[in-house]
Amino acid sequence: MSAPVLTEQTVAVQEVGVRPAWRSYLRQPSALVAVAVLVVMVVLAVAAPLIADEPGGTSADVLQSPSGRHWFGTDDLGQDIFAQVVWGTRTSLMIGVAASLIALVLGTAIGLVSAYFRPVDAVGTVITDVMLALPTLPLMIMLAAVVNPSVWTLTVIIGVFAWPEVARLIRSQGLVVTAMPYIDGARVLGATGWRIVTREIMPAVVPLMVVSVLLTASRAVISEAGLSFLGLGDPDAWSWGRILLNAQRSGVVAIAWWQTLFPSLAILALVLAATVAGMRFNDNRDPRRNGG
């Protein structure tokens, strides 16, 4: 009867330590800056219609360099680059988050099932290894070229190809948790496999799920920008990759440096912020770094 008591105590300790853990996490300057950048990106995405009008049409302000009137300059059609970056934040962030959630659901399910149900592990491991060995970018390009380009098709394509890394990470941690004594105690007490996986193993891998969402989202943003730059993005939605594509198509990359600089900086800022936030969150879990 000691296994349930141990589990409840562990959960209670984790609940009590949530707030101090977050305080310790945000005390790290790099983590604080990364979270602040991500918050700014989310605010820009949500409040895009309030910040700038959606770019469209033409104007006489063609290829204007950054100024007080046009903070990020204008393109060859006279459209404001700042407005394009702001509206591109909405699309790029939405694809990044949605694709990472798809990868998280698929990867977590396959990873947990493989970790606990040993007969399934061999099949799950083979599928994961095969997916990791595939040339992801050419396959994404092929699929994006075949299907009707849209925000949602890009999201599904990127998410489907991103789950293997999540599955491998969750499976590794799940194997460690499955070998714990309280898992054996739960089996002795008659707990079903579903209950053990969802109530005992999954809570132990939640921190890794948070890290996976951040890292997978950053890679999804890069993938979306690359596909959009190749002309495989949604032509009706602004994204950072589409801004770069427009600059390349108009042939003004050499003379209108601002048209590629600012969307590139936006991609760099988001990817770095998500990566640093995930790495610092993972470091903060290490008891050796917290005096544990």
Protein backbone atom coordinates (compact mmCIF):
# COMPACT_ATOMS: atom_id res chain seq x y z
CA MET A 1 0.00 0.00 0.00
CA SER A 2 3.05 2.30 0.05
CA ALA A 3 3.04 2.98 -3.69
CA PRO A 4 -0.05 5.28 -3.74
CA VAL A 5 1.24 7.21 -0.71
CA LEU A 6 4.57 7.77 -2.43
CA THR A 7 2.86 8.99 -5.55
CA GLU A 8 0.61 11.41 -3.68
CA GLN A 9 3.55 12.80 -1.75
CA THR A 10 5.49 13.30 -4.94
CA VAL A 11 2.60 15.14 -6.57
CA ALA A 12 2.13 17.31 -3.48
CA VAL A 13 5.81 18.24 -3.42
CA GLN A 14 5.69 19.09 -7.12
CA GLU A 15 2.62 21.31 -6.64
CA VAL A 16 4.22 23.14 -3.73
CA GLY A 17 7.44 23.64 -5.69
CA VAL A 18 5.86 24.96 -8.91
CA ARG A 19 6.01 28.64 -7.93
CA PRO A 20 9.60 28.56 -6.58
CA ALA A 21 10.67 26.63 -9.69
CA TRP A 22 9.24 29.31 -11.97
CA ARG A 23 10.86 32.03 -9.88
CA SER A 24 14.19 30.25 -10.15
CA TYR A 25 13.67 29.89 -13.89
CA LEU A 26 12.87 33.56 -14.44
CA ARG A 27 15.83 34.64 -12.30
CA GLN A 28 18.06 33.51 -15.14
CA PRO A 29 18.67 36.61 -17.31
CA SER A 30 18.72 34.62 -20.57
CA ALA A 31 15.46 32.85 -19.67
CA LEU A 32 13.79 36.13 -18.71
CA VAL A 33 14.82 37.80 -21.97
CA ALA A 34 13.70 34.77 -24.00
CA VAL A 35 10.29 34.68 -22.32
CA ALA A 36 9.93 38.45 -22.81
CA VAL A 37 10.65 38.08 -26.54
CA LEU A 38 8.09 35.28 -26.84
CA VAL A 39 5.49 37.38 -25.01
CA VAL A 40 6.13 40.29 -27.38
CA MET A 41 5.73 37.97 -30.36
CA VAL A 42 2.43 36.66 -29.02
CA VAL A 43 1.17 40.21 -28.41
CA LEU A 44 2.12 41.20 -31.96
CA ALA A 45 0.32 38.17 -33.37
CA VAL A 46 -2.85 38.71 -31.37
CA ALA A 47 -2.99 42.49 -31.73
CA ALA A 48 -1.81 42.69 -35.37
CA PRO A 49 -5.02 44.40 -36.63
CA LEU A 50 -4.65 47.04 -33.90
CA ILE A 51 -0.98 47.68 -34.60
CA ALA A 52 -0.96 47.98 -38.39
CA ASP A 53 -3.34 47.70 -41.31
CA GLU A 54 -3.04 44.53 -43.33
CA PRO A 55 -0.68 45.19 -46.26
CA GLY A 56 -2.27 45.37 -49.67
CA GLY A 57 -2.41 47.38 -52.86
CA THR A 58 0.25 49.84 -53.96
CA SER A 59 1.44 53.31 -53.03
CA ALA A 60 3.84 55.94 -54.27
CA ASP A 61 6.33 55.25 -51.45
CA VAL A 62 8.29 52.67 -53.44
CA LEU A 63 11.48 51.26 -51.91
CA GLN A 64 11.65 53.82 -49.15
CA SER A 65 14.38 53.16 -46.59
CA PRO A 66 13.49 52.95 -42.88
CA SER A 67 12.24 56.26 -41.53
CA GLY A 68 9.85 57.76 -39.02
CA ARG A 69 6.97 57.23 -41.45
CA HIS A 70 7.91 53.68 -42.42
CA TRP A 71 9.88 52.13 -39.57
CA PHE A 72 11.07 49.14 -41.61
CA GLY A 73 10.92 50.81 -45.02
CA THR A 74 8.74 49.83 -47.98
CA ASP A 75 8.93 47.26 -50.78
CA ASP A 76 8.79 47.61 -54.56
CA LEU A 77 5.00 48.07 -54.39
CA GLY A 78 5.17 50.73 -51.71
CA GLN A 79 3.81 48.42 -49.02
CA ASP A 80 5.01 48.94 -45.46
CA ILE A 81 7.50 46.28 -44.34
CA PHE A 82 6.68 46.84 -40.67
CA ALA A 83 3.03 45.95 -41.35
CA GLN A 84 4.15 42.87 -43.28
CA VAL A 85 6.37 41.72 -40.40
CA VAL A 86 3.60 42.27 -37.85
CA TRP A 87 1.02 40.36 -39.88
CA GLY A 88 3.64 37.75 -40.73
CA THR A 89 4.15 37.20 -37.00
CA ARG A 90 0.57 36.01 -36.73
CA THR A 91 0.88 33.42 -39.48
CA SER A 92 4.37 32.21 -38.61
CA LEU A 93 3.59 31.93 -34.91
CA MET A 94 0.28 30.17 -35.52
CA ILE A 95 1.91 27.60 -37.80
CA GLY A 96 4.77 27.10 -35.35
CA VAL A 97 2.52 26.54 -32.33
CA ALA A 98 -0.06 24.41 -34.14
CA ALA A 99 2.56 22.23 -35.84
CA SER A 100 4.39 21.71 -32.55
CA LEU A 101 1.14 20.67 -30.86
CA ILE A 102 0.48 18.13 -33.61
CA ALA A 103 4.00 16.78 -33.18
CA LEU A 104 3.59 16.77 -29.40
CA VAL A 105 0.35 14.77 -29.48
CA LEU A 106 1.68 12.18 -31.93
CA GLY A 107 5.14 11.98 -30.38
CA THR A 108 3.91 11.77 -26.79
CA ALA A 109 1.36 9.08 -27.60
CA ILE A 110 3.85 6.93 -29.50
CA GLY A 111 6.63 7.55 -26.97
CA LEU A 112 4.52 6.66 -23.91
CA VAL A 113 2.98 3.58 -25.50
CA SER A 114 6.41 2.37 -26.62
CA ALA A 115 7.88 2.98 -23.15
CA TYR A 116 5.24 1.02 -21.24
CA PHE A 117 3.98 -1.65 -23.62
CA ARG A 118 7.14 -3.52 -24.51
CA PRO A 119 5.62 -5.56 -27.41
CA VAL A 120 4.72 -2.27 -29.10
CA ASP A 121 8.15 -0.76 -28.45
CA ALA A 122 9.89 -2.59 -31.30
CA VAL A 123 7.34 -1.40 -33.86
CA GLY A 124 7.27 2.14 -32.50
CA THR A 125 11.06 2.36 -32.46
CA VAL A 126 11.35 1.14 -36.05
CA ILE A 127 8.75 3.64 -37.28
CA THR A 128 10.45 6.45 -35.38
CA ASP A 129 13.90 5.55 -36.73
CA VAL A 130 12.58 5.33 -40.29
CA MET A 131 10.93 8.74 -39.98
CA LEU A 132 14.13 10.24 -38.58
CA ALA A 133 16.14 8.77 -41.46
CA LEU A 134 13.89 10.25 -44.16
CA PRO A 135 15.00 13.42 -45.98
CA THR A 136 12.46 15.67 -44.32
CA LEU A 137 12.86 18.87 -46.34
CA PRO A 138 12.53 17.30 -49.83
CA LEU A 139 9.47 15.35 -48.67
CA MET A 140 7.85 18.46 -47.22
CA ILE A 141 8.55 20.33 -50.46
CA MET A 142 7.02 17.50 -52.50
CA LEU A 143 3.87 17.31 -50.36
CA ALA A 144 3.46 21.08 -50.20
CA ALA A 145 3.75 21.24 -54.00
CA VAL A 146 1.11 18.53 -54.48
CA VAL A 147 -1.57 19.76 -52.05
CA ASN A 148 -3.35 23.08 -52.19
CA PRO A 149 -1.06 25.56 -50.38
CA SER A 150 -2.66 26.99 -47.27
CA VAL A 151 -1.80 27.75 -43.66
CA TRP A 152 -3.44 24.55 -42.43
CA THR A 153 -1.85 22.23 -45.00
CA LEU A 154 1.58 23.62 -44.13
CA THR A 155 0.81 23.17 -40.44
CA VAL A 156 -0.17 19.52 -40.88
CA ILE A 157 2.81 18.73 -43.11
CA ILE A 158 5.32 20.28 -40.71
CA GLY A 159 3.67 18.72 -37.66
CA VAL A 160 3.57 15.22 -39.16
CA PHE A 161 7.29 15.32 -39.95
CA ALA A 162 8.26 16.79 -36.56
CA TRP A 163 6.89 14.12 -34.18
CA PRO A 164 9.72 11.50 -34.33
CA GLU A 165 12.16 13.60 -32.28
CA VAL A 166 9.46 14.19 -29.67
CA ALA A 167 8.63 10.48 -29.57
CA ARG A 168 12.26 9.50 -29.03
CA LEU A 169 12.66 12.04 -26.22
CA ILE A 170 9.43 11.01 -24.45
CA ARG A 171 10.19 7.31 -24.86
CA SER A 172 13.63 7.70 -23.27
CA GLN A 173 12.21 9.42 -20.19
CA GLY A 174 9.24 7.05 -20.13
CA LEU A 175 11.53 4.02 -19.94
CA VAL A 176 13.21 5.52 -16.86
CA VAL A 177 9.87 6.16 -15.16
CA THR A 178 8.50 2.72 -16.08
CA ALA A 179 11.37 1.10 -14.19
CA MET A 180 10.49 2.96 -10.97
CA PRO A 181 9.21 0.88 -7.99
CA TYR A 182 5.94 2.79 -7.70
CA ILE A 183 4.99 1.66 -11.22
CA ASP A 184 5.36 -1.94 -10.07
CA GLY A 185 3.28 -1.07 -7.00
CA ALA A 186 0.55 0.34 -9.21
CA ARG A 187 0.49 -2.90 -11.22
CA VAL A 188 0.24 -4.98 -8.04
CA LEU A 189 -2.70 -2.87 -6.89
CA GLY A 190 -4.51 -3.68 -10.13
CA ALA A 191 -4.08 -0.42 -12.04
CA THR A 192 -4.72 -0.79 -15.76
CA GLY A 193 -2.08 0.02 -18.35
CA TRP A 194 -4.06 3.07 -19.48
CA ARG A 195 -4.22 4.43 -15.94
CA ILE A 196 -0.50 3.86 -15.35
CA VAL A 197 0.44 5.58 -18.59
CA THR A 198 -1.88 8.57 -18.12
CA ARG A 199 -1.76 9.01 -14.33
CA GLU A 200 1.75 7.87 -13.42
CA ILE A 201 4.09 8.11 -16.40
CA MET A 202 2.69 11.12 -18.26
CA PRO A 203 2.99 13.59 -15.33
CA ALA A 204 6.67 12.67 -15.06
CA VAL A 205 7.34 13.64 -18.70
CA VAL A 206 5.34 16.89 -18.70
CA PRO A 207 8.49 19.04 -18.32
CA LEU A 208 9.95 17.36 -21.39
CA MET A 209 6.71 18.05 -23.24
CA VAL A 210 7.11 21.77 -22.48
CA VAL A 211 10.67 21.72 -23.80
CA SER A 212 9.55 19.78 -26.88
CA VAL A 213 6.83 22.33 -27.68
CA LEU A 214 9.31 25.21 -27.58
CA LEU A 215 12.02 23.50 -29.62
CA THR A 216 9.60 21.99 -32.14
CA ALA A 217 7.84 25.34 -32.61
CA SER A 218 11.13 27.05 -33.41
CA ARG A 219 11.96 24.42 -36.02
CA ALA A 220 8.44 24.67 -37.43
CA VAL A 221 8.86 28.43 -37.93
CA ILE A 222 12.08 27.80 -39.86
CA SER A 223 10.38 25.13 -41.97
CA GLU A 224 7.44 27.41 -42.74
CA ALA A 225 9.75 30.26 -43.72
CA GLY A 226 11.73 27.95 -45.98
CA LEU A 227 8.64 26.53 -47.71
CA SER A 228 7.12 29.99 -48.13
CA PHE A 229 10.39 31.32 -49.54
CA LEU A 230 10.25 28.53 -52.13
CA GLY A 231 6.76 29.70 -53.14
CA LEU A 232 4.96 26.83 -51.39
CA GLY A 233 3.25 28.91 -48.72
CA ASP A 234 -0.23 30.34 -48.53
CA PRO A 235 -0.39 33.17 -51.13
CA ASP A 236 -3.26 34.80 -49.24
CA ALA A 237 -1.52 35.01 -45.84
CA TRP A 238 1.44 37.13 -44.86
CA SER A 239 4.37 35.29 -43.32
CA TRP A 240 8.03 36.07 -42.84
CA GLY A 241 8.94 33.61 -45.58
CA ARG A 242 6.57 35.33 -48.01
CA ILE A 243 8.25 38.70 -47.33
CA LEU A 244 11.61 37.17 -48.22
CA LEU A 245 10.09 35.57 -51.33
CA ASN A 246 8.70 38.92 -52.49
CA ALA A 247 12.10 40.52 -52.05
CA GLN A 248 13.75 37.78 -54.08
CA ARG A 249 11.15 37.88 -56.85
CA SER A 250 11.32 41.67 -57.19
CA GLY A 251 15.10 41.55 -57.52
CA VAL A 252 15.72 44.30 -54.97
CA VAL A 253 17.64 42.25 -52.41
CA ALA A 254 20.91 44.06 -53.20
CA ILE A 255 19.50 47.58 -53.05
CA ALA A 256 16.61 47.29 -50.55
CA TRP A 257 18.43 45.56 -47.70
CA TRP A 258 15.62 46.34 -45.25
CA GLN A 259 13.16 44.11 -47.08
CA THR A 260 15.14 41.00 -46.09
CA LEU A 261 16.79 42.24 -42.90
CA PHE A 262 13.73 42.76 -40.69
CA PRO A 263 11.84 39.50 -41.44
CA SER A 264 15.13 37.64 -41.05
CA LEU A 265 15.69 39.29 -37.67
CA ALA A 266 12.13 38.34 -36.65
CA ILE A 267 12.79 34.68 -37.54
CA LEU A 268 16.11 34.77 -35.70
CA ALA A 269 14.60 36.39 -32.60
CA LEU A 270 11.74 33.91 -32.35
CA VAL A 271 13.90 30.84 -32.95
CA LEU A 272 16.58 31.96 -30.50
CA ALA A 273 14.02 32.91 -27.85
CA ALA A 274 12.17 29.59 -28.09
CA THR A 275 15.41 27.60 -28.09
CA VAL A 276 16.92 29.46 -25.13
CA ALA A 277 13.65 29.29 -23.17
CA GLY A 278 13.47 25.54 -23.73
CA MET A 279 17.13 24.95 -22.85
CA ARG A 280 16.95 27.03 -19.68
CA PHE A 281 13.73 25.30 -18.66
CA ASN A 282 15.42 21.95 -19.11
CA ASP A 283 18.50 23.11 -17.17
CA ASN A 284 16.28 24.37 -14.37
CA ARG A 285 14.91 20.83 -13.91
CA ASP A 286 18.40 19.45 -13.23
CA PRO A 287 18.70 18.99 -9.44
CA ARG A 288 22.47 19.31 -9.65
CA ARG A 289 22.02 22.91 -10.80
CA ASN A 290 19.52 23.65 -8.04
CA GLY A 291 21.44 22.22 -5.17
CA GLY A 292 19.33 18.99 -5.20
